[in-house]
Amino acid sequence: MQLTFGVLVTSFLVTLLHPSLRTVVGGSLKLKLCLPCIGEECNLLPEEECLYGLVKNHCGYWECGKGPGQICGGPSKIFGECGDGMHCKCDRCVGCSSKTLDCDLNTSIC
């Protein structure tokens, strides 16, 4: 099947403009496109050691969890998820890591 230039441009613009497929980070547009993992690729682990444990991202892939005080959350959790023992509050990981026992006990209200 042959795609014309117009079809490609239209597809790109729809992808770029559709709110579920984009987010603005620090004033610049970031696309958050991904295909859900399938089969064994869902079990692939990050190459680096994950100090705060492993979490699944919004596409179903494993990635390193964020640590105490690190940025987290956002649309589709684009900034990542907190590692074991912590939760995301005000876009920051709070609580104590069950892996390292490092803590951020920020009790401020967002």
PDB file of N, CA and C in Angstrom:
ATOM      1  N   MET A   1       0.842  -1.182   0.000  1.00  0.00           N
ATOM      2  CA  MET A   1       0.000   0.000   0.000  1.00  0.00           C
ATOM      3  C   MET A   1       0.882   1.237   0.000  1.00  0.00           C
ATOM      4  N   GLN A   2       0.551   2.181  -0.827  1.00  0.00           N
ATOM      5  CA  GLN A   2       1.353   3.374  -0.964  1.00  0.00           C
ATOM      6  C   GLN A   2       0.656   4.541  -0.270  1.00  0.00           C
ATOM      7  N   LEU A   3       1.401   5.248   0.576  1.00  0.00           N
ATOM      8  CA  LEU A   3       0.856   6.414   1.264  1.00  0.00           C
ATOM      9  C   LEU A   3       1.318   7.675   0.558  1.00  0.00           C
ATOM     10  N   THR A   4       0.412   8.589   0.390  1.00  0.00           N
ATOM     11  CA  THR A   4       0.785   9.852  -0.235  1.00  0.00           C
ATOM     12  C   THR A   4       1.348  10.797   0.810  1.00  0.00           C
ATOM     13  N   PHE A   5       2.024  11.802   0.352  1.00  0.00           N
ATOM     14  CA  PHE A   5       2.595  12.796   1.242  1.00  0.00           C
ATOM     15  C   PHE A   5       1.501  13.458   2.077  1.00  0.00           C
ATOM     16  N   GLY A   6       0.357  13.778   1.481  1.00  0.00           N
ATOM     17  CA  GLY A   6      -0.748  14.416   2.196  1.00  0.00           C
ATOM     18  C   GLY A   6      -1.281  13.563   3.338  1.00  0.00           C
ATOM     19  N   VAL A   7      -1.377  12.251   3.114  1.00  0.00           N
ATOM     20  CA  VAL A   7      -1.847  11.346   4.161  1.00  0.00           C
ATOM     21  C   VAL A   7      -0.851  11.319   5.317  1.00  0.00           C
ATOM     22  N   LEU A   8       0.435  11.295   5.003  1.00  0.00           N
ATOM     23  CA  LEU A   8       1.459  11.303   6.040  1.00  0.00           C
ATOM     24  C   LEU A   8       1.424  12.591   6.859  1.00  0.00           C
ATOM     25  N   VAL A   9       1.290  13.725   6.193  1.00  0.00           N
ATOM     26  CA  VAL A   9       1.241  15.006   6.893  1.00  0.00           C
ATOM     27  C   VAL A   9      -0.008  15.076   7.772  1.00  0.00           C
ATOM     28  N   THR A  10      -1.150  14.642   7.243  1.00  0.00           N
ATOM     29  CA  THR A  10      -2.388  14.654   8.016  1.00  0.00           C
ATOM     30  C   THR A  10      -2.266  13.764   9.243  1.00  0.00           C
ATOM     31  N   SER A  11      -1.705  12.581   9.078  1.00  0.00           N
ATOM     32  CA  SER A  11      -1.518  11.673  10.211  1.00  0.00           C
ATOM     33  C   SER A  11      -0.627  12.296  11.271  1.00  0.00           C
ATOM     34  N   PHE A  12       0.439  12.943  10.837  1.00  0.00           N
ATOM     35  CA  PHE A  12       1.352  13.588  11.768  1.00  0.00           C
ATOM     36  C   PHE A  12       0.644  14.701  12.539  1.00  0.00           C
ATOM     37  N   LEU A  13      -0.126  15.533  11.850  1.00  0.00           N
ATOM     38  CA  LEU A  13      -0.808  16.640  12.517  1.00  0.00           C
ATOM     39  C   LEU A  13      -1.863  16.149  13.498  1.00  0.00           C
ATOM     40  N   VAL A  14      -2.603  15.114  13.136  1.00  0.00           N
ATOM     41  CA  VAL A  14      -3.590  14.551  14.055  1.00  0.00           C
ATOM     42  C   VAL A  14      -2.893  14.039  15.299  1.00  0.00           C
ATOM     43  N   THR A  15      -1.780  13.337  15.120  1.00  0.00           N
ATOM     44  CA  THR A  15      -1.012  12.825  16.250  1.00  0.00           C
ATOM     45  C   THR A  15      -0.498  13.968  17.116  1.00  0.00           C
ATOM     46  N   LEU A  16       0.012  15.000  16.493  1.00  0.00           N
ATOM     47  CA  LEU A  16       0.584  16.127  17.214  1.00  0.00           C
ATOM     48  C   LEU A  16      -0.473  16.907  17.997  1.00  0.00           C
ATOM     49  N   LEU A  17      -1.650  17.055  17.432  1.00  0.00           N
ATOM     50  CA  LEU A  17      -2.667  17.896  18.038  1.00  0.00           C
ATOM     51  C   LEU A  17      -3.601  17.163  18.993  1.00  0.00           C
ATOM     52  N   HIS A  18      -3.716  15.872  18.883  1.00  0.00           N
ATOM     53  CA  HIS A  18      -4.651  15.143  19.732  1.00  0.00           C
ATOM     54  C   HIS A  18      -4.175  15.192  21.180  1.00  0.00           C
ATOM     55  N   PRO A  19      -5.030  15.685  22.120  1.00  0.00           N
ATOM     56  CA  PRO A  19      -4.586  15.888  23.506  1.00  0.00           C
ATOM     57  C   PRO A  19      -4.156  14.620  24.228  1.00  0.00           C
ATOM     58  N   SER A  20      -4.685  13.470  23.862  1.00  0.00           N
ATOM     59  CA  SER A  20      -4.290  12.249  24.569  1.00  0.00           C
ATOM     60  C   SER A  20      -2.912  11.758  24.139  1.00  0.00           C
ATOM     61  N   LEU A  21      -2.362  12.357  23.106  1.00  0.00           N
ATOM     62  CA  LEU A  21      -1.083  11.899  22.584  1.00  0.00           C
ATOM     63  C   LEU A  21       0.042  12.909  22.760  1.00  0.00           C
ATOM     64  N   ARG A  22      -0.214  13.968  23.499  1.00  0.00           N
ATOM     65  CA  ARG A  22       0.833  14.979  23.688  1.00  0.00           C
ATOM     66  C   ARG A  22       0.767  15.528  25.100  1.00  0.00           C
ATOM     67  N   THR A  23       1.837  16.150  25.497  1.00  0.00           N
ATOM     68  CA  THR A  23       1.866  16.860  26.775  1.00  0.00           C
ATOM     69  C   THR A  23       2.888  17.975  26.652  1.00  0.00           C
ATOM     70  N   VAL A  24       2.782  18.995  27.460  1.00  0.00           N
ATOM     71  CA  VAL A  24       3.746  20.085  27.458  1.00  0.00           C
ATOM     72  C   VAL A  24       4.594  19.951  28.705  1.00  0.00           C
ATOM     73  N   VAL A  25       5.909  19.883  28.509  1.00  0.00           N
ATOM     74  CA  VAL A  25       6.842  19.730  29.613  1.00  0.00           C
ATOM     75  C   VAL A  25       7.827  20.879  29.545  1.00  0.00           C
ATOM     76  N   GLY A  26       7.862  21.682  30.582  1.00  0.00           N
ATOM     77  CA  GLY A  26       8.811  22.794  30.628  1.00  0.00           C
ATOM     78  C   GLY A  26       8.679  23.739  29.456  1.00  0.00           C
ATOM     79  N   GLY A  27       7.447  23.933  28.967  1.00  0.00           N
ATOM     80  CA  GLY A  27       7.213  24.862  27.879  1.00  0.00           C
ATOM     81  C   GLY A  27       7.410  24.269  26.501  1.00  0.00           C
ATOM     82  N   SER A  28       7.916  23.036  26.405  1.00  0.00           N
ATOM     83  CA  SER A  28       8.094  22.439  25.090  1.00  0.00           C
ATOM     84  C   SER A  28       7.189  21.221  24.939  1.00  0.00           C
ATOM     85  N   LEU A  29       6.765  20.975  23.718  1.00  0.00           N
ATOM     86  CA  LEU A  29       5.858  19.877  23.424  1.00  0.00           C
ATOM     87  C   LEU A  29       6.611  18.557  23.414  1.00  0.00           C
ATOM     88  N   LYS A  30       6.106  17.589  24.140  1.00  0.00           N
ATOM     89  CA  LYS A  30       6.693  16.250  24.156  1.00  0.00           C
ATOM     90  C   LYS A  30       5.601  15.261  23.759  1.00  0.00           C
ATOM     91  N   LEU A  31       5.865  14.436  22.779  1.00  0.00           N
ATOM     92  CA  LEU A  31       4.908  13.411  22.408  1.00  0.00           C
ATOM     93  C   LEU A  31       5.098  12.208  23.307  1.00  0.00           C
ATOM     94  N   LYS A  32       4.001  11.614  23.734  1.00  0.00           N
ATOM     95  CA  LYS A  32       4.069  10.473  24.631  1.00  0.00           C
ATOM     96  C   LYS A  32       3.499   9.230  23.950  1.00  0.00           C
ATOM     97  N   LEU A  33       3.905   9.035  22.731  1.00  0.00           N
ATOM     98  CA  LEU A  33       3.417   7.907  21.971  1.00  0.00           C
ATOM     99  C   LEU A  33       4.201   6.647  22.303  1.00  0.00           C
ATOM    100  N   CYS A  34       3.509   5.564  22.368  1.00  0.00           N
ATOM    101  CA  CYS A  34       4.173   4.287  22.516  1.00  0.00           C
ATOM    102  C   CYS A  34       3.184   3.204  22.139  1.00  0.00           C
ATOM    103  N   LEU A  35       3.718   2.079  21.791  1.00  0.00           N
ATOM    104  CA  LEU A  35       2.885   0.919  21.560  1.00  0.00           C
ATOM    105  C   LEU A  35       2.945   0.059  22.806  1.00  0.00           C
ATOM    106  N   PRO A  36       1.805  -0.473  23.230  1.00  0.00           N
ATOM    107  CA  PRO A  36       1.846  -1.357  24.401  1.00  0.00           C
ATOM    108  C   PRO A  36       2.776  -2.540  24.139  1.00  0.00           C
ATOM    109  N   CYS A  37       3.465  -2.968  25.180  1.00  0.00           N
ATOM    110  CA  CYS A  37       4.367  -4.101  25.007  1.00  0.00           C
ATOM    111  C   CYS A  37       3.548  -5.364  24.727  1.00  0.00           C
ATOM    112  N   ILE A  38       4.177  -6.285  24.043  1.00  0.00           N
ATOM    113  CA  ILE A  38       3.516  -7.540  23.671  1.00  0.00           C
ATOM    114  C   ILE A  38       4.455  -8.691  24.001  1.00  0.00           C
ATOM    115  N   GLY A  39       3.941  -9.683  24.696  1.00  0.00           N
ATOM    116  CA  GLY A  39       4.695 -10.904  24.977  1.00  0.00           C
ATOM    117  C   GLY A  39       5.940 -10.676  25.808  1.00  0.00           C
ATOM    118  N   GLU A  40       7.040 -11.262  25.355  1.00  0.00           N
ATOM    119  CA  GLU A  40       8.290 -11.232  26.117  1.00  0.00           C
ATOM    120  C   GLU A  40       8.891  -9.837  26.286  1.00  0.00           C
ATOM    121  N   GLU A  41       8.580  -8.920  25.365  1.00  0.00           N
ATOM    122  CA  GLU A  41       9.143  -7.568  25.507  1.00  0.00           C
ATOM    123  C   GLU A  41       8.617  -6.882  26.770  1.00  0.00           C
ATOM    124  N   CYS A  42       7.502  -7.361  27.308  1.00  0.00           N
ATOM    125  CA  CYS A  42       6.957  -6.810  28.557  1.00  0.00           C
ATOM    126  C   CYS A  42       7.816  -7.195  29.763  1.00  0.00           C
ATOM    127  N   ASN A  43       8.666  -8.185  29.590  1.00  0.00           N
ATOM    128  CA  ASN A  43       9.509  -8.665  30.687  1.00  0.00           C
ATOM    129  C   ASN A  43      10.928  -8.128  30.629  1.00  0.00           C
ATOM    130  N   LEU A  44      11.248  -7.328  29.607  1.00  0.00           N
ATOM    131  CA  LEU A  44      12.595  -6.770  29.491  1.00  0.00           C
ATOM    132  C   LEU A  44      12.841  -5.773  30.613  1.00  0.00           C
ATOM    133  N   LEU A  45      13.980  -5.897  31.265  1.00  0.00           N
ATOM    134  CA  LEU A  45      14.329  -5.017  32.384  1.00  0.00           C
ATOM    135  C   LEU A  45      15.299  -3.935  31.925  1.00  0.00           C
ATOM    136  N   PRO A  46      15.316  -2.786  32.596  1.00  0.00           N
ATOM    137  CA  PRO A  46      16.278  -1.733  32.246  1.00  0.00           C
ATOM    138  C   PRO A  46      17.714  -2.249  32.379  1.00  0.00           C
ATOM    139  N   GLU A  47      18.604  -1.705  31.560  1.00  0.00           N
ATOM    140  CA  GLU A  47      20.003  -2.133  31.605  1.00  0.00           C
ATOM    141  C   GLU A  47      20.703  -1.651  32.866  1.00  0.00           C
ATOM    142  N   GLU A  48      20.318  -0.486  33.363  1.00  0.00           N
ATOM    143  CA  GLU A  48      20.960   0.047  34.559  1.00  0.00           C
ATOM    144  C   GLU A  48      20.328  -0.553  35.816  1.00  0.00           C
ATOM    145  N   GLU A  49      21.081  -0.500  36.907  1.00  0.00           N
ATOM    146  CA  GLU A  49      20.550  -0.963  38.185  1.00  0.00           C
ATOM    147  C   GLU A  49      19.529   0.055  38.684  1.00  0.00           C
ATOM    148  N   CYS A  50      18.414  -0.422  39.186  1.00  0.00           N
ATOM    149  CA  CYS A  50      17.348   0.462  39.656  1.00  0.00           C
ATOM    150  C   CYS A  50      17.416   0.597  41.172  1.00  0.00           C
ATOM    151  N   LEU A  51      17.955   1.705  41.613  1.00  0.00           N
ATOM    152  CA  LEU A  51      18.182   1.952  43.030  1.00  0.00           C
ATOM    153  C   LEU A  51      16.895   1.905  43.850  1.00  0.00           C
ATOM    154  N   TYR A  52      15.783   2.384  43.275  1.00  0.00           N
ATOM    155  CA  TYR A  52      14.532   2.470  44.022  1.00  0.00           C
ATOM    156  C   TYR A  52      13.491   1.440  43.580  1.00  0.00           C
ATOM    157  N   GLY A  53      13.913   0.443  42.843  1.00  0.00           N
ATOM    158  CA  GLY A  53      13.005  -0.619  42.426  1.00  0.00           C
ATOM    159  C   GLY A  53      12.484  -0.424  41.012  1.00  0.00           C
ATOM    160  N   LEU A  54      11.713  -1.382  40.552  1.00  0.00           N
ATOM    161  CA  LEU A  54      11.163  -1.381  39.198  1.00  0.00           C
ATOM    162  C   LEU A  54       9.687  -1.023  39.220  1.00  0.00           C
ATOM    163  N   VAL A  55       9.257  -0.283  38.196  1.00  0.00           N
ATOM    164  CA  VAL A  55       7.844   0.048  38.002  1.00  0.00           C
ATOM    165  C   VAL A  55       7.527  -0.124  36.518  1.00  0.00           C
ATOM    166  N   LYS A  56       6.259  -0.327  36.207  1.00  0.00           N
ATOM    167  CA  LYS A  56       5.834  -0.393  34.803  1.00  0.00           C
ATOM    168  C   LYS A  56       5.392   0.997  34.371  1.00  0.00           C
ATOM    169  N   ASN A  57       5.816   1.418  33.187  1.00  0.00           N
ATOM    170  CA  ASN A  57       5.390   2.721  32.680  1.00  0.00           C
ATOM    171  C   ASN A  57       4.012   2.597  32.023  1.00  0.00           C
ATOM    172  N   HIS A  58       3.492   3.703  31.489  1.00  0.00           N
ATOM    173  CA  HIS A  58       2.144   3.705  30.925  1.00  0.00           C
ATOM    174  C   HIS A  58       2.009   2.860  29.665  1.00  0.00           C
ATOM    175  N   CYS A  59       3.110   2.409  29.119  1.00  0.00           N
ATOM    176  CA  CYS A  59       3.070   1.532  27.946  1.00  0.00           C
ATOM    177  C   CYS A  59       3.228   0.057  28.318  1.00  0.00           C
ATOM    178  N   GLY A  60       3.490  -0.207  29.595  1.00  0.00           N
ATOM    179  CA  GLY A  60       3.625  -1.586  30.053  1.00  0.00           C
ATOM    180  C   GLY A  60       5.050  -2.089  30.138  1.00  0.00           C
ATOM    181  N   TYR A  61       6.031  -1.228  29.887  1.00  0.00           N
ATOM    182  CA  TYR A  61       7.440  -1.615  29.957  1.00  0.00           C
ATOM    183  C   TYR A  61       7.989  -1.348  31.353  1.00  0.00           C
ATOM    184  N   TRP A  62       8.942  -2.142  31.776  1.00  0.00           N
ATOM    185  CA  TRP A  62       9.612  -1.924  33.056  1.00  0.00           C
ATOM    186  C   TRP A  62      10.587  -0.761  32.945  1.00  0.00           C
ATOM    187  N   GLU A  63      10.637   0.061  33.990  1.00  0.00           N
ATOM    188  CA  GLU A  63      11.627   1.133  34.079  1.00  0.00           C
ATOM    189  C   GLU A  63      11.967   1.341  35.547  1.00  0.00           C
ATOM    190  N   CYS A  64      13.001   2.103  35.790  1.00  0.00           N
ATOM    191  CA  CYS A  64      13.415   2.349  37.167  1.00  0.00           C
ATOM    192  C   CYS A  64      12.443   3.312  37.848  1.00  0.00           C
ATOM    193  N   GLY A  65      12.096   2.979  39.090  1.00  0.00           N
ATOM    194  CA  GLY A  65      11.244   3.855  39.878  1.00  0.00           C
ATOM    195  C   GLY A  65      12.004   5.093  40.313  1.00  0.00           C
ATOM    196  N   LYS A  66      11.283   6.153  40.553  1.00  0.00           N
ATOM    197  CA  LYS A  66      11.876   7.407  41.018  1.00  0.00           C
ATOM    198  C   LYS A  66      12.120   7.337  42.520  1.00  0.00           C
ATOM    199  N   GLY A  67      13.046   8.152  42.990  1.00  0.00           N
ATOM    200  CA  GLY A  67      13.418   8.158  44.399  1.00  0.00           C
ATOM    201  C   GLY A  67      12.823   9.313  45.169  1.00  0.00           C
ATOM    202  N   PRO A  68      13.054   9.344  46.473  1.00  0.00           N
ATOM    203  CA  PRO A  68      12.508  10.392  47.333  1.00  0.00           C
ATOM    204  C   PRO A  68      12.856  11.791  46.824  1.00  0.00           C
ATOM    205  N   GLY A  69      11.826  12.636  46.690  1.00  0.00           N
ATOM    206  CA  GLY A  69      12.025  14.016  46.243  1.00  0.00           C
ATOM    207  C   GLY A  69      12.128  14.185  44.741  1.00  0.00           C
ATOM    208  N   GLN A  70      12.200  13.100  43.980  1.00  0.00           N
ATOM    209  CA  GLN A  70      12.314  13.220  42.530  1.00  0.00           C
ATOM    210  C   GLN A  70      10.946  13.486  41.910  1.00  0.00           C
ATOM    211  N   ILE A  71      10.958  14.136  40.741  1.00  0.00           N
ATOM    212  CA  ILE A  71       9.725  14.460  40.042  1.00  0.00           C
ATOM    213  C   ILE A  71       9.037  13.168  39.578  1.00  0.00           C
ATOM    214  N   CYS A  72       7.702  13.175  39.614  1.00  0.00           N
ATOM    215  CA  CYS A  72       6.921  12.003  39.223  1.00  0.00           C
ATOM    216  C   CYS A  72       5.558  12.452  38.710  1.00  0.00           C
ATOM    217  N   GLY A  73       4.783  11.511  38.236  1.00  0.00           N
ATOM    218  CA  GLY A  73       3.398  11.783  37.829  1.00  0.00           C
ATOM    219  C   GLY A  73       3.296  12.463  36.484  1.00  0.00           C
ATOM    220  N   GLY A  74       2.359  13.391  36.381  1.00  0.00           N
ATOM    221  CA  GLY A  74       2.087  14.075  35.132  1.00  0.00           C
ATOM    222  C   GLY A  74       1.094  13.286  34.288  1.00  0.00           C
ATOM    223  N   PRO A  75       0.723  13.843  33.128  1.00  0.00           N
ATOM    224  CA  PRO A  75      -0.217  13.141  32.248  1.00  0.00           C
ATOM    225  C   PRO A  75       0.349  11.777  31.844  1.00  0.00           C
ATOM    226  N   SER A  76      -0.440  10.746  31.985  1.00  0.00           N
ATOM    227  CA  SER A  76      -0.009   9.372  31.696  1.00  0.00           C
ATOM    228  C   SER A  76       1.277   9.012  32.435  1.00  0.00           C
ATOM    229  N   LYS A  77       1.505   9.660  33.565  1.00  0.00           N
ATOM    230  CA  LYS A  77       2.702   9.420  34.386  1.00  0.00           C
ATOM    231  C   LYS A  77       3.982   9.594  33.574  1.00  0.00           C
ATOM    232  N   ILE A  78       3.970  10.611  32.721  1.00  0.00           N
ATOM    233  CA  ILE A  78       5.094  10.872  31.822  1.00  0.00           C
ATOM    234  C   ILE A  78       6.390  11.136  32.578  1.00  0.00           C
ATOM    235  N   PHE A  79       6.305  11.646  33.821  1.00  0.00           N
ATOM    236  CA  PHE A  79       7.503  11.921  34.615  1.00  0.00           C
ATOM    237  C   PHE A  79       7.966  10.702  35.400  1.00  0.00           C
ATOM    238  N   GLY A  80       7.225   9.606  35.310  1.00  0.00           N
ATOM    239  CA  GLY A  80       7.612   8.375  35.985  1.00  0.00           C
ATOM    240  C   GLY A  80       6.817   8.118  37.250  1.00  0.00           C
ATOM    241  N   GLU A  81       7.021   6.926  37.804  1.00  0.00           N
ATOM    242  CA  GLU A  81       6.355   6.515  39.033  1.00  0.00           C
ATOM    243  C   GLU A  81       7.386   6.320  40.127  1.00  0.00           C
ATOM    244  N   CYS A  82       6.934   6.484  41.335  1.00  0.00           N
ATOM    245  CA  CYS A  82       7.813   6.331  42.489  1.00  0.00           C
ATOM    246  C   CYS A  82       8.122   4.859  42.737  1.00  0.00           C
ATOM    247  N   GLY A  83       9.310   4.617  43.260  1.00  0.00           N
ATOM    248  CA  GLY A  83       9.727   3.260  43.585  1.00  0.00           C
ATOM    249  C   GLY A  83       9.007   2.731  44.817  1.00  0.00           C
ATOM    250  N   ASP A  84       9.375   1.519  45.201  1.00  0.00           N
ATOM    251  CA  ASP A  84       8.750   0.811  46.315  1.00  0.00           C
ATOM    252  C   ASP A  84       8.770   1.628  47.599  1.00  0.00           C
ATOM    253  N   GLY A  85       7.608   1.719  48.259  1.00  0.00           N
ATOM    254  CA  GLY A  85       7.497   2.386  49.542  1.00  0.00           C
ATOM    255  C   GLY A  85       7.152   3.865  49.471  1.00  0.00           C
ATOM    256  N   MET A  86       7.068   4.426  48.266  1.00  0.00           N
ATOM    257  CA  MET A  86       6.788   5.853  48.104  1.00  0.00           C
ATOM    258  C   MET A  86       5.552   6.054  47.250  1.00  0.00           C
ATOM    259  N   HIS A  87       5.034   7.273  47.268  1.00  0.00           N
ATOM    260  CA  HIS A  87       3.919   7.628  46.395  1.00  0.00           C
ATOM    261  C   HIS A  87       4.129   9.044  45.867  1.00  0.00           C
ATOM    262  N   CYS A  88       3.431   9.353  44.796  1.00  0.00           N
ATOM    263  CA  CYS A  88       3.576  10.646  44.146  1.00  0.00           C
ATOM    264  C   CYS A  88       2.596  11.639  44.756  1.00  0.00           C
ATOM    265  N   LYS A  89       3.131  12.742  45.282  1.00  0.00           N
ATOM    266  CA  LYS A  89       2.315  13.808  45.868  1.00  0.00           C
ATOM    267  C   LYS A  89       2.878  15.133  45.380  1.00  0.00           C
ATOM    268  N   CYS A  90       2.039  15.946  44.795  1.00  0.00           N
ATOM    269  CA  CYS A  90       2.467  17.259  44.284  1.00  0.00           C
ATOM    270  C   CYS A  90       3.599  17.104  43.263  1.00  0.00           C
ATOM    271  N   ASP A  91       3.531  16.051  42.456  1.00  0.00           N
ATOM    272  CA  ASP A  91       4.536  15.760  41.419  1.00  0.00           C
ATOM    273  C   ASP A  91       5.919  15.457  41.972  1.00  0.00           C
ATOM    274  N   ARG A  92       5.997  15.006  43.216  1.00  0.00           N
ATOM    275  CA  ARG A  92       7.260  14.594  43.840  1.00  0.00           C
ATOM    276  C   ARG A  92       7.043  13.287  44.598  1.00  0.00           C
ATOM    277  N   CYS A  93       8.048  12.429  44.612  1.00  0.00           N
ATOM    278  CA  CYS A  93       7.965  11.180  45.364  1.00  0.00           C
ATOM    279  C   CYS A  93       8.176  11.467  46.844  1.00  0.00           C
ATOM    280  N   VAL A  94       7.230  11.052  47.655  1.00  0.00           N
ATOM    281  CA  VAL A  94       7.322  11.235  49.108  1.00  0.00           C
ATOM    282  C   VAL A  94       7.209   9.881  49.792  1.00  0.00           C
ATOM    283  N   GLY A  95       7.713   9.826  50.997  1.00  0.00           N
ATOM    284  CA  GLY A  95       7.741   8.590  51.762  1.00  0.00           C
ATOM    285  C   GLY A  95       9.163   8.074  51.829  1.00  0.00           C
ATOM    286  N   CYS A  96       9.295   6.821  52.217  1.00  0.00           N
ATOM    287  CA  CYS A  96      10.621   6.210  52.359  1.00  0.00           C
ATOM    288  C   CYS A  96      10.769   5.042  51.395  1.00  0.00           C
ATOM    289  N   SER A  97      11.894   4.999  50.721  1.00  0.00           N
ATOM    290  CA  SER A  97      12.181   3.888  49.821  1.00  0.00           C
ATOM    291  C   SER A  97      12.374   2.615  50.637  1.00  0.00           C
ATOM    292  N   SER A  98      11.666   1.571  50.265  1.00  0.00           N
ATOM    293  CA  SER A  98      11.843   0.295  50.963  1.00  0.00           C
ATOM    294  C   SER A  98      13.135  -0.395  50.538  1.00  0.00           C
ATOM    295  N   LYS A  99      13.779   0.123  49.479  1.00  0.00           N
ATOM    296  CA  LYS A  99      15.044  -0.446  49.002  1.00  0.00           C
ATOM    297  C   LYS A  99      16.254   0.176  49.695  1.00  0.00           C
ATOM    298  N   THR A 100      16.233   1.514  49.850  1.00  0.00           N
ATOM    299  CA  THR A 100      17.414   2.212  50.379  1.00  0.00           C
ATOM    300  C   THR A 100      17.178   2.836  51.745  1.00  0.00           C
ATOM    301  N   LEU A 101      15.927   2.917  52.143  1.00  0.00           N
ATOM    302  CA  LEU A 101      15.503   3.584  53.377  1.00  0.00           C
ATOM    303  C   LEU A 101      15.725   5.096  53.347  1.00  0.00           C
ATOM    304  N   ASP A 102      16.022   5.652  52.155  1.00  0.00           N
ATOM    305  CA  ASP A 102      16.077   7.104  51.978  1.00  0.00           C
ATOM    306  C   ASP A 102      14.650   7.633  52.059  1.00  0.00           C
ATOM    307  N   CYS A 103      14.474   8.818  52.640  1.00  0.00           N
ATOM    308  CA  CYS A 103      13.128   9.356  52.843  1.00  0.00           C
ATOM    309  C   CYS A 103      13.006  10.807  52.375  1.00  0.00           C
ATOM    310  N   ASP A 104      11.794  11.139  51.982  1.00  0.00           N
ATOM    311  CA  ASP A 104      11.371  12.518  51.778  1.00  0.00           C
ATOM    312  C   ASP A 104       9.990  12.585  52.420  1.00  0.00           C
ATOM    313  N   LEU A 105       9.905  13.261  53.520  1.00  0.00           N
ATOM    314  CA  LEU A 105       8.663  13.297  54.280  1.00  0.00           C
ATOM    315  C   LEU A 105       7.934  14.619  54.097  1.00  0.00           C
ATOM    316  N   ASN A 106       7.983  15.153  52.902  1.00  0.00           N
ATOM    317  CA  ASN A 106       7.329  16.416  52.575  1.00  0.00           C
ATOM    318  C   ASN A 106       5.851  16.326  52.958  1.00  0.00           C
ATOM    319  N   THR A 107       5.427  17.152  53.858  1.00  0.00           N
ATOM    320  CA  THR A 107       4.031  17.154  54.305  1.00  0.00           C
ATOM    321  C   THR A 107       3.278  18.376  53.819  1.00  0.00           C
ATOM    322  N   SER A 108       3.863  19.118  52.892  1.00  0.00           N
ATOM    323  CA  SER A 108       3.200  20.334  52.406  1.00  0.00           C
ATOM    324  C   SER A 108       1.950  19.981  51.596  1.00  0.00           C
ATOM    325  N   ILE A 109       1.048  20.938  51.532  1.00  0.00           N
ATOM    326  CA  ILE A 109      -0.172  20.780  50.743  1.00  0.00           C
ATOM    327  C   ILE A 109       0.116  21.353  49.365  1.00  0.00           C
ATOM    328  N   CYS A 110      -0.319  20.673  48.336  1.00  0.00           N
ATOM    329  CA  CYS A 110      -0.069  21.127  46.962  1.00  0.00           C
ATOM    330  C   CYS A 110      -0.736  22.463  46.684  1.00  0.00           C
TER     331      CYS A 110
END
